[in-house]
Amino acid sequence: MATVRNEPAATEQDGIDHRVARRDANRRVSTARATTTTQELVELACECTRVECERSVKVPLYVYRRMLEADQYLLQAGHHAFARYRTIISIGLMSIEERA
């Protein structure tokens, strides 16, 4: 007998929508921090496609702005690191990665 789940599974589109919403929120934070020195760390949301993800990453503002220009996504290392990504910057527990 098959079991019926009451919770709808997150679809691929839900994941994309989640990423877009996180990216928009991060852009607003980075824009609002215009007076912040670019070397200062800013806490931003992980831009993965996992709908249940609520993780955040602290990165220098200039790094995030470069990631936006390069159309890269901010992912928390260790939680979302995949073989197809390579580390650009590693500071303490923070790691900035890009698609290889």
N, C-alpha and C. Protein backbone atom coordinates (compact mmCIF):
# COMPACT_ATOMS: atom_id res chain seq x y z
N MET A 1 0.84 -1.17 0.00
CA MET A 1 0.00 0.00 0.00
C MET A 1 0.89 1.24 0.00
N ALA A 2 0.63 2.17 -0.85
CA ALA A 2 1.43 3.40 -0.96
C ALA A 2 1.04 4.37 0.15
N THR A 3 2.05 5.08 0.63
CA THR A 3 1.76 6.10 1.64
C THR A 3 1.53 7.43 0.96
N VAL A 4 0.64 8.21 1.52
CA VAL A 4 0.31 9.51 0.96
C VAL A 4 0.93 10.58 1.84
N ARG A 5 1.65 11.49 1.24
CA ARG A 5 2.26 12.59 1.99
C ARG A 5 1.36 13.81 1.88
N ASN A 6 1.13 14.43 3.02
CA ASN A 6 0.31 15.64 3.04
C ASN A 6 1.10 16.87 2.63
N GLU A 7 2.42 16.82 2.77
CA GLU A 7 3.26 17.96 2.44
C GLU A 7 3.64 17.92 0.96
N PRO A 8 3.37 18.98 0.23
CA PRO A 8 3.78 18.98 -1.19
C PRO A 8 5.30 19.10 -1.28
N ALA A 9 5.89 18.31 -2.16
CA ALA A 9 7.34 18.35 -2.36
C ALA A 9 7.71 19.64 -3.08
N ALA A 10 8.84 20.20 -2.70
CA ALA A 10 9.32 21.42 -3.36
C ALA A 10 9.71 21.06 -4.80
N THR A 11 9.24 21.85 -5.72
CA THR A 11 9.55 21.60 -7.13
C THR A 11 10.82 22.36 -7.50
N GLU A 12 11.33 22.08 -8.67
CA GLU A 12 12.50 22.79 -9.16
C GLU A 12 12.20 24.29 -9.28
N GLN A 13 10.99 24.63 -9.71
CA GLN A 13 10.60 26.03 -9.82
C GLN A 13 10.56 26.70 -8.45
N ASP A 14 10.12 25.97 -7.41
CA ASP A 14 10.13 26.52 -6.05
C ASP A 14 11.56 26.88 -5.64
N GLY A 15 12.51 26.01 -5.99
CA GLY A 15 13.91 26.27 -5.68
C GLY A 15 14.44 27.50 -6.40
N ILE A 16 14.06 27.64 -7.65
CA ILE A 16 14.48 28.81 -8.43
C ILE A 16 13.87 30.08 -7.84
N ASP A 17 12.60 30.02 -7.49
CA ASP A 17 11.93 31.17 -6.87
C ASP A 17 12.59 31.55 -5.55
N HIS A 18 12.98 30.52 -4.79
CA HIS A 18 13.66 30.75 -3.51
C HIS A 18 15.00 31.47 -3.75
N ARG A 19 15.76 31.00 -4.74
CA ARG A 19 17.05 31.61 -5.06
C ARG A 19 16.87 33.07 -5.49
N VAL A 20 15.88 33.33 -6.33
CA VAL A 20 15.61 34.69 -6.81
C VAL A 20 15.26 35.61 -5.64
N ALA A 21 14.43 35.11 -4.73
CA ALA A 21 14.03 35.92 -3.57
C ALA A 21 15.23 36.23 -2.68
N ARG A 22 16.09 35.23 -2.47
CA ARG A 22 17.29 35.44 -1.64
C ARG A 22 18.24 36.43 -2.32
N ARG A 23 18.41 36.30 -3.65
CA ARG A 23 19.29 37.20 -4.39
C ARG A 23 18.77 38.63 -4.30
N ASP A 24 17.45 38.81 -4.47
CA ASP A 24 16.86 40.15 -4.37
C ASP A 24 17.08 40.75 -2.98
N ALA A 25 16.89 39.95 -1.94
CA ALA A 25 17.11 40.43 -0.57
C ALA A 25 18.57 40.80 -0.36
N ASN A 26 19.49 39.99 -0.87
CA ASN A 26 20.92 40.29 -0.73
C ASN A 26 21.30 41.55 -1.48
N ARG A 27 20.73 41.74 -2.66
CA ARG A 27 21.00 42.97 -3.42
C ARG A 27 20.56 44.20 -2.63
N ARG A 28 19.38 44.11 -2.01
CA ARG A 28 18.88 45.24 -1.21
C ARG A 28 19.83 45.53 -0.05
N VAL A 29 20.32 44.49 0.61
CA VAL A 29 21.26 44.67 1.72
C VAL A 29 22.54 45.31 1.21
N SER A 30 23.09 44.81 0.11
CA SER A 30 24.35 45.35 -0.40
C SER A 30 24.20 46.78 -0.89
N THR A 31 23.03 47.13 -1.41
CA THR A 31 22.77 48.49 -1.85
C THR A 31 22.59 49.42 -0.65
N ALA A 32 21.89 48.94 0.36
CA ALA A 32 21.67 49.74 1.57
C ALA A 32 22.97 49.99 2.33
N ARG A 33 23.94 49.12 2.13
CA ARG A 33 25.22 49.26 2.82
C ARG A 33 26.22 50.05 1.99
N ALA A 34 25.76 50.94 1.16
CA ALA A 34 26.62 51.72 0.26
C ALA A 34 27.68 52.51 1.03
N THR A 35 27.38 52.90 2.26
CA THR A 35 28.36 53.67 3.04
C THR A 35 29.35 52.77 3.78
N THR A 36 29.10 51.48 3.77
CA THR A 36 30.00 50.52 4.40
C THR A 36 31.26 50.40 3.56
N THR A 37 32.42 50.30 4.23
CA THR A 37 33.64 50.08 3.46
C THR A 37 33.55 48.71 2.81
N THR A 38 34.08 48.60 1.62
CA THR A 38 33.93 47.36 0.86
C THR A 38 34.68 46.19 1.50
N GLN A 39 35.60 46.45 2.42
CA GLN A 39 36.33 45.38 3.10
C GLN A 39 35.53 44.78 4.26
N GLU A 40 34.52 45.52 4.76
CA GLU A 40 33.73 45.06 5.88
C GLU A 40 32.90 43.85 5.52
N LEU A 41 32.73 42.94 6.49
CA LEU A 41 31.90 41.77 6.26
C LEU A 41 30.43 42.14 6.37
N VAL A 42 29.63 41.60 5.46
CA VAL A 42 28.19 41.82 5.45
C VAL A 42 27.53 40.45 5.50
N GLU A 43 26.52 40.30 6.35
CA GLU A 43 25.81 39.01 6.45
C GLU A 43 24.72 38.95 5.39
N LEU A 44 24.82 37.94 4.52
CA LEU A 44 23.87 37.77 3.43
C LEU A 44 23.31 36.35 3.47
N ALA A 45 22.17 36.15 2.85
CA ALA A 45 21.53 34.84 2.82
C ALA A 45 22.17 33.94 1.77
N CYS A 46 22.25 32.66 2.09
CA CYS A 46 22.73 31.66 1.13
C CYS A 46 21.79 31.67 -0.07
N GLU A 47 22.34 31.68 -1.27
CA GLU A 47 21.53 31.76 -2.50
C GLU A 47 21.36 30.41 -3.19
N CYS A 48 21.17 29.37 -2.38
CA CYS A 48 20.99 28.04 -2.96
C CYS A 48 19.54 27.86 -3.41
N THR A 49 19.24 26.72 -3.97
CA THR A 49 17.88 26.44 -4.43
C THR A 49 17.12 25.53 -3.46
N ARG A 50 17.67 25.30 -2.29
CA ARG A 50 16.98 24.47 -1.29
C ARG A 50 15.99 25.35 -0.53
N VAL A 51 14.73 25.12 -0.75
CA VAL A 51 13.67 25.95 -0.19
C VAL A 51 13.75 26.01 1.33
N GLU A 52 14.18 24.94 1.96
CA GLU A 52 14.23 24.89 3.42
C GLU A 52 15.48 25.56 4.01
N CYS A 53 16.41 26.00 3.19
CA CYS A 53 17.66 26.58 3.65
C CYS A 53 17.43 27.97 4.24
N GLU A 54 17.93 28.18 5.43
CA GLU A 54 17.86 29.48 6.10
C GLU A 54 19.25 29.95 6.51
N ARG A 55 20.28 29.40 5.89
CA ARG A 55 21.66 29.72 6.26
C ARG A 55 22.08 31.09 5.75
N SER A 56 23.09 31.65 6.39
CA SER A 56 23.63 32.94 5.94
C SER A 56 25.15 32.84 5.86
N VAL A 57 25.73 33.79 5.16
CA VAL A 57 27.18 33.82 4.93
C VAL A 57 27.64 35.26 5.13
N LYS A 58 28.76 35.44 5.84
CA LYS A 58 29.35 36.77 5.99
C LYS A 58 30.48 36.90 4.98
N VAL A 59 30.36 37.90 4.11
CA VAL A 59 31.37 38.12 3.06
C VAL A 59 31.71 39.60 2.98
N PRO A 60 32.92 39.91 2.49
CA PRO A 60 33.24 41.32 2.23
C PRO A 60 32.31 41.84 1.14
N LEU A 61 31.86 43.06 1.27
CA LEU A 61 30.92 43.65 0.32
C LEU A 61 31.47 43.66 -1.10
N TYR A 62 32.77 43.94 -1.25
CA TYR A 62 33.34 43.97 -2.60
C TYR A 62 33.30 42.60 -3.26
N VAL A 63 33.43 41.53 -2.47
CA VAL A 63 33.38 40.17 -3.03
C VAL A 63 31.98 39.88 -3.54
N TYR A 64 30.97 40.24 -2.75
CA TYR A 64 29.60 39.97 -3.19
C TYR A 64 29.28 40.77 -4.45
N ARG A 65 29.71 42.00 -4.50
CA ARG A 65 29.45 42.81 -5.70
C ARG A 65 30.12 42.21 -6.93
N ARG A 66 31.31 41.67 -6.77
CA ARG A 66 31.98 41.00 -7.89
C ARG A 66 31.23 39.74 -8.31
N MET A 67 30.69 39.03 -7.31
CA MET A 67 29.92 37.83 -7.62
C MET A 67 28.67 38.19 -8.43
N LEU A 68 28.03 39.30 -8.08
CA LEU A 68 26.87 39.75 -8.84
C LEU A 68 27.24 40.07 -10.28
N GLU A 69 28.35 40.77 -10.46
CA GLU A 69 28.81 41.13 -11.81
C GLU A 69 29.12 39.89 -12.64
N ALA A 70 29.63 38.85 -11.99
CA ALA A 70 30.01 37.62 -12.69
C ALA A 70 28.86 36.61 -12.77
N ASP A 71 27.67 36.99 -12.28
CA ASP A 71 26.50 36.12 -12.26
C ASP A 71 26.78 34.81 -11.52
N GLN A 72 27.44 34.93 -10.37
CA GLN A 72 27.72 33.79 -9.48
C GLN A 72 26.74 33.84 -8.32
N TYR A 73 26.58 32.73 -7.63
CA TYR A 73 25.68 32.66 -6.49
C TYR A 73 26.46 32.45 -5.21
N LEU A 74 25.97 33.07 -4.15
CA LEU A 74 26.58 32.96 -2.84
C LEU A 74 26.06 31.70 -2.16
N LEU A 75 26.94 30.72 -1.94
CA LEU A 75 26.56 29.46 -1.31
C LEU A 75 27.40 29.25 -0.06
N GLN A 76 26.79 28.72 0.98
CA GLN A 76 27.55 28.45 2.19
C GLN A 76 28.38 27.19 1.98
N ALA A 77 29.70 27.31 2.12
CA ALA A 77 30.61 26.18 1.94
C ALA A 77 30.33 25.14 3.02
N GLY A 78 30.56 23.89 2.69
CA GLY A 78 30.33 22.81 3.63
C GLY A 78 28.89 22.34 3.61
N HIS A 79 27.96 23.27 3.48
CA HIS A 79 26.55 22.93 3.44
C HIS A 79 26.11 22.68 2.00
N HIS A 80 26.65 23.48 1.08
CA HIS A 80 26.26 23.38 -0.32
C HIS A 80 27.44 23.20 -1.27
N ALA A 81 28.60 22.89 -0.75
CA ALA A 81 29.78 22.77 -1.62
C ALA A 81 29.66 21.51 -2.49
N PHE A 82 29.92 21.66 -3.76
CA PHE A 82 29.88 20.56 -4.70
C PHE A 82 31.22 20.48 -5.44
N ALA A 83 31.48 19.35 -6.02
CA ALA A 83 32.74 19.15 -6.73
C ALA A 83 32.91 20.13 -7.88
N ARG A 84 31.83 20.59 -8.47
CA ARG A 84 31.95 21.49 -9.63
C ARG A 84 32.25 22.94 -9.22
N TYR A 85 32.40 23.22 -7.93
CA TYR A 85 32.76 24.54 -7.45
C TYR A 85 34.21 24.54 -6.99
N ARG A 86 34.88 25.68 -7.13
CA ARG A 86 36.25 25.80 -6.61
C ARG A 86 36.31 27.03 -5.70
N THR A 87 37.15 26.94 -4.69
CA THR A 87 37.26 28.01 -3.71
C THR A 87 38.04 29.18 -4.29
N ILE A 88 37.50 30.39 -4.14
CA ILE A 88 38.17 31.61 -4.54
C ILE A 88 38.87 32.21 -3.33
N ILE A 89 38.13 32.37 -2.25
CA ILE A 89 38.64 33.00 -1.03
C ILE A 89 38.23 32.15 0.16
N SER A 90 39.13 31.99 1.10
CA SER A 90 38.80 31.29 2.34
C SER A 90 39.32 32.13 3.50
N ILE A 91 38.40 32.61 4.35
CA ILE A 91 38.77 33.42 5.51
C ILE A 91 38.13 32.77 6.72
N GLY A 92 38.91 32.17 7.58
CA GLY A 92 38.35 31.48 8.75
C GLY A 92 37.40 30.39 8.30
N LEU A 93 36.15 30.46 8.77
CA LEU A 93 35.16 29.46 8.39
C LEU A 93 34.42 29.84 7.12
N MET A 94 34.69 31.02 6.57
CA MET A 94 34.02 31.47 5.35
C MET A 94 34.82 31.05 4.12
N SER A 95 34.11 30.63 3.12
CA SER A 95 34.75 30.25 1.88
C SER A 95 33.88 30.76 0.73
N ILE A 96 34.52 31.47 -0.22
CA ILE A 96 33.81 31.95 -1.41
C ILE A 96 34.21 31.02 -2.55
N GLU A 97 33.21 30.48 -3.23
CA GLU A 97 33.48 29.53 -4.29
C GLU A 97 32.83 29.97 -5.59
N GLU A 98 33.35 29.45 -6.70
CA GLU A 98 32.74 29.74 -7.99
C GLU A 98 32.60 28.44 -8.76
N ARG A 99 31.73 28.47 -9.76
CA ARG A 99 31.56 27.29 -10.61
C ARG A 99 32.84 27.06 -11.39
N ALA A 100 33.33 25.86 -11.35
CA ALA A 100 34.58 25.52 -12.06
C ALA A 100 34.31 25.20 -13.51
